[in-house]
Amino acid sequence: MPRVKSNVARRRRTKRLFKRTKGYRLGKKNVYKHAKEQFDKSMQYAFRDRRARKREFRSLWIMRINAAARKGGLSYSRFMSGLKKANVQINRKILADLAVNHESAFSELVSLAKNRAGREG
């Protein structure tokens, strides 16, 4: 069986890795062993943080809704409970956008939730 040399494949693999690690600091960009370790770790961080970003945004939306609802005299939990009882099905992302950009529309939702929460609570 003929002997196989890996020069071309190895060079291609190395160049691809160095292209991906461009911008890293010190030997993590141009020492193959360190670059490979750092790139693998970077991909782990990216995978983890794509999921964490969703949690962070939901938390941000809840903070914004809570702040706007408290201006109207309701806590976040009472506001959401009132909306649910009024059968208003708007997700937190849209509610947060209304709270920040369309205060009049949000205040109508607060009054609706206040009426519903007071009637059944």
C-alpha atoms as a PDB file:
ATOM      1  CA  MET A   1       0.000   0.000   0.000  1.00  0.00           C
ATOM      2  CA  PRO A   2       1.370   3.444  -0.843  1.00  0.00           C
ATOM      3  CA  ARG A   3       2.303   5.871   1.881  1.00  0.00           C
ATOM      4  CA  VAL A   4      -0.108   8.806   2.345  1.00  0.00           C
ATOM      5  CA  LYS A   5       1.215  12.270   3.068  1.00  0.00           C
ATOM      6  CA  SER A   6      -1.120  14.703   4.803  1.00  0.00           C
ATOM      7  CA  ASN A   7       0.573  17.960   3.792  1.00  0.00           C
ATOM      8  CA  VAL A   8      -2.238  19.413   1.693  1.00  0.00           C
ATOM      9  CA  ALA A   9      -5.045  18.353   4.024  1.00  0.00           C
ATOM     10  CA  ARG A  10      -3.172  19.521   7.099  1.00  0.00           C
ATOM     11  CA  ARG A  11      -2.369  22.905   5.550  1.00  0.00           C
ATOM     12  CA  ARG A  12      -6.010  23.367   4.516  1.00  0.00           C
ATOM     13  CA  ARG A  13      -7.240  22.445   8.001  1.00  0.00           C
ATOM     14  CA  THR A  14      -4.717  24.767   9.640  1.00  0.00           C
ATOM     15  CA  LYS A  15      -5.526  27.698   7.374  1.00  0.00           C
ATOM     16  CA  ARG A  16      -9.242  27.248   7.991  1.00  0.00           C
ATOM     17  CA  LEU A  17      -8.689  27.271  11.749  1.00  0.00           C
ATOM     18  CA  PHE A  18      -6.429  30.334  11.659  1.00  0.00           C
ATOM     19  CA  LYS A  19      -8.980  32.174   9.542  1.00  0.00           C
ATOM     20  CA  ARG A  20     -11.614  31.461  12.201  1.00  0.00           C
ATOM     21  CA  THR A  21      -9.360  32.515  15.084  1.00  0.00           C
ATOM     22  CA  LYS A  22      -8.374  35.807  13.490  1.00  0.00           C
ATOM     23  CA  GLY A  23      -8.690  38.537  16.105  1.00  0.00           C
ATOM     24  CA  TYR A  24      -7.883  36.313  19.085  1.00  0.00           C
ATOM     25  CA  ARG A  25      -5.024  37.434  21.301  1.00  0.00           C
ATOM     26  CA  LEU A  26      -1.431  36.183  21.476  1.00  0.00           C
ATOM     27  CA  GLY A  27      -0.809  32.539  20.548  1.00  0.00           C
ATOM     28  CA  LYS A  28      -4.511  31.732  20.461  1.00  0.00           C
ATOM     29  CA  LYS A  29      -4.599  33.066  16.916  1.00  0.00           C
ATOM     30  CA  ASN A  30      -1.453  31.545  15.386  1.00  0.00           C
ATOM     31  CA  VAL A  31      -0.318  28.535  17.449  1.00  0.00           C
ATOM     32  CA  TYR A  32      -2.294  25.574  16.173  1.00  0.00           C
ATOM     33  CA  LYS A  33      -2.715  23.754  19.484  1.00  0.00           C
ATOM     34  CA  HIS A  34      -3.806  26.870  21.391  1.00  0.00           C
ATOM     35  CA  ALA A  35      -5.955  28.131  18.518  1.00  0.00           C
ATOM     36  CA  LYS A  36      -7.802  24.821  18.295  1.00  0.00           C
ATOM     37  CA  GLU A  37      -8.466  24.722  22.047  1.00  0.00           C
ATOM     38  CA  GLN A  38      -9.662  28.310  22.088  1.00  0.00           C
ATOM     39  CA  PHE A  39     -11.852  27.868  19.022  1.00  0.00           C
ATOM     40  CA  ASP A  40     -13.523  24.801  20.549  1.00  0.00           C
ATOM     41  CA  LYS A  41     -14.146  26.741  23.758  1.00  0.00           C
ATOM     42  CA  SER A  42     -15.498  29.685  21.765  1.00  0.00           C
ATOM     43  CA  MET A  43     -18.018  27.438  20.067  1.00  0.00           C
ATOM     44  CA  GLN A  44     -19.134  26.116  23.479  1.00  0.00           C
ATOM     45  CA  TYR A  45     -19.632  29.687  24.699  1.00  0.00           C
ATOM     46  CA  ALA A  46     -21.563  30.574  21.549  1.00  0.00           C
ATOM     47  CA  PHE A  47     -23.876  27.564  21.941  1.00  0.00           C
ATOM     48  CA  ARG A  48     -24.512  28.315  25.607  1.00  0.00           C
ATOM     49  CA  ASP A  49     -25.032  32.028  25.109  1.00  0.00           C
ATOM     50  CA  ARG A  50     -27.512  31.665  22.262  1.00  0.00           C
ATOM     51  CA  ARG A  51     -29.793  30.102  24.845  1.00  0.00           C
ATOM     52  CA  ALA A  52     -28.872  32.538  27.625  1.00  0.00           C
ATOM     53  CA  ARG A  53     -29.733  35.486  25.341  1.00  0.00           C
ATOM     54  CA  LYS A  54     -33.346  34.329  25.205  1.00  0.00           C
ATOM     55  CA  ARG A  55     -33.531  34.256  29.013  1.00  0.00           C
ATOM     56  CA  GLU A  56     -31.945  37.695  29.270  1.00  0.00           C
ATOM     57  CA  PHE A  57     -34.408  39.236  26.840  1.00  0.00           C
ATOM     58  CA  ARG A  58     -37.392  37.743  28.664  1.00  0.00           C
ATOM     59  CA  SER A  59     -36.026  39.160  31.918  1.00  0.00           C
ATOM     60  CA  LEU A  60     -35.595  42.593  30.297  1.00  0.00           C
ATOM     61  CA  TRP A  61     -39.147  42.543  28.943  1.00  0.00           C
ATOM     62  CA  ILE A  62     -40.528  41.663  32.378  1.00  0.00           C
ATOM     63  CA  MET A  63     -38.593  44.544  33.983  1.00  0.00           C
ATOM     64  CA  ARG A  64     -39.943  47.020  31.432  1.00  0.00           C
ATOM     65  CA  ILE A  65     -43.519  45.786  31.796  1.00  0.00           C
ATOM     66  CA  ASN A  66     -43.253  45.899  35.587  1.00  0.00           C
ATOM     67  CA  ALA A  67     -41.934  49.478  35.569  1.00  0.00           C
ATOM     68  CA  ALA A  68     -44.689  50.676  33.235  1.00  0.00           C
ATOM     69  CA  ALA A  69     -47.419  48.778  35.116  1.00  0.00           C
ATOM     70  CA  ARG A  70     -46.301  50.284  38.418  1.00  0.00           C
ATOM     71  CA  LYS A  71     -46.705  53.757  36.909  1.00  0.00           C
ATOM     72  CA  GLY A  72     -50.337  52.769  36.384  1.00  0.00           C
ATOM     73  CA  GLY A  73     -50.665  51.481  39.940  1.00  0.00           C
ATOM     74  CA  LEU A  74     -50.360  47.724  39.387  1.00  0.00           C
ATOM     75  CA  SER A  75     -47.615  45.222  40.088  1.00  0.00           C
ATOM     76  CA  TYR A  76     -46.374  42.990  37.281  1.00  0.00           C
ATOM     77  CA  SER A  77     -48.091  39.882  38.599  1.00  0.00           C
ATOM     78  CA  ARG A  78     -51.453  41.620  39.085  1.00  0.00           C
ATOM     79  CA  PHE A  79     -51.141  43.210  35.644  1.00  0.00           C
ATOM     80  CA  MET A  80     -50.461  39.880  33.933  1.00  0.00           C
ATOM     81  CA  SER A  81     -53.217  38.200  35.936  1.00  0.00           C
ATOM     82  CA  GLY A  82     -55.681  40.927  34.940  1.00  0.00           C
ATOM     83  CA  LEU A  83     -54.758  40.577  31.275  1.00  0.00           C
ATOM     84  CA  LYS A  84     -55.207  36.823  31.454  1.00  0.00           C
ATOM     85  CA  LYS A  85     -58.645  37.228  33.077  1.00  0.00           C
ATOM     86  CA  ALA A  86     -59.581  39.794  30.407  1.00  0.00           C
ATOM     87  CA  ASN A  87     -58.548  37.211  27.804  1.00  0.00           C
ATOM     88  CA  VAL A  88     -55.901  39.505  26.282  1.00  0.00           C
ATOM     89  CA  GLN A  89     -53.265  37.361  24.616  1.00  0.00           C
ATOM     90  CA  ILE A  90     -50.266  39.603  23.973  1.00  0.00           C
ATOM     91  CA  ASN A  91     -46.791  38.235  24.571  1.00  0.00           C
ATOM     92  CA  ARG A  92     -44.212  39.926  26.791  1.00  0.00           C
ATOM     93  CA  LYS A  93     -42.116  41.150  23.878  1.00  0.00           C
ATOM     94  CA  ILE A  94     -45.006  43.153  22.445  1.00  0.00           C
ATOM     95  CA  LEU A  95     -46.097  44.364  25.892  1.00  0.00           C
ATOM     96  CA  ALA A  96     -42.579  45.639  26.592  1.00  0.00           C
ATOM     97  CA  ASP A  97     -42.525  47.441  23.242  1.00  0.00           C
ATOM     98  CA  LEU A  98     -45.884  49.054  24.016  1.00  0.00           C
ATOM     99  CA  ALA A  99     -44.626  50.078  27.456  1.00  0.00           C
ATOM    100  CA  VAL A 100     -41.583  51.826  25.994  1.00  0.00           C
ATOM    101  CA  ASN A 101     -42.857  53.259  22.704  1.00  0.00           C
ATOM    102  CA  HIS A 102     -46.661  53.539  23.005  1.00  0.00           C
ATOM    103  CA  GLU A 103     -47.474  54.585  26.565  1.00  0.00           C
ATOM    104  CA  SER A 104     -51.094  55.522  25.849  1.00  0.00           C
ATOM    105  CA  ALA A 105     -51.900  52.061  24.467  1.00  0.00           C
ATOM    106  CA  PHE A 106     -50.149  50.438  27.414  1.00  0.00           C
ATOM    107  CA  SER A 107     -52.079  52.588  29.907  1.00  0.00           C
ATOM    108  CA  GLU A 108     -55.330  51.342  28.329  1.00  0.00           C
ATOM    109  CA  LEU A 109     -54.153  47.779  28.912  1.00  0.00           C
ATOM    110  CA  VAL A 110     -53.296  48.675  32.521  1.00  0.00           C
ATOM    111  CA  SER A 111     -56.780  50.090  33.112  1.00  0.00           C
ATOM    112  CA  LEU A 112     -58.323  46.999  31.507  1.00  0.00           C
ATOM    113  CA  ALA A 113     -56.250  44.715  33.723  1.00  0.00           C
ATOM    114  CA  LYS A 114     -57.056  46.838  36.788  1.00  0.00           C
ATOM    115  CA  ASN A 115     -60.808  46.568  36.130  1.00  0.00           C
ATOM    116  CA  ARG A 116     -60.589  42.811  35.566  1.00  0.00           C
ATOM    117  CA  ALA A 117     -58.364  42.185  38.596  1.00  0.00           C
ATOM    118  CA  GLY A 118     -60.607  44.315  40.842  1.00  0.00           C
ATOM    119  CA  ARG A 119     -63.806  42.627  39.681  1.00  0.00           C
ATOM    120  CA  GLU A 120     -62.676  39.044  40.274  1.00  0.00           C
ATOM    121  CA  GLY A 121     -60.053  39.559  42.984  1.00  0.00           C
END
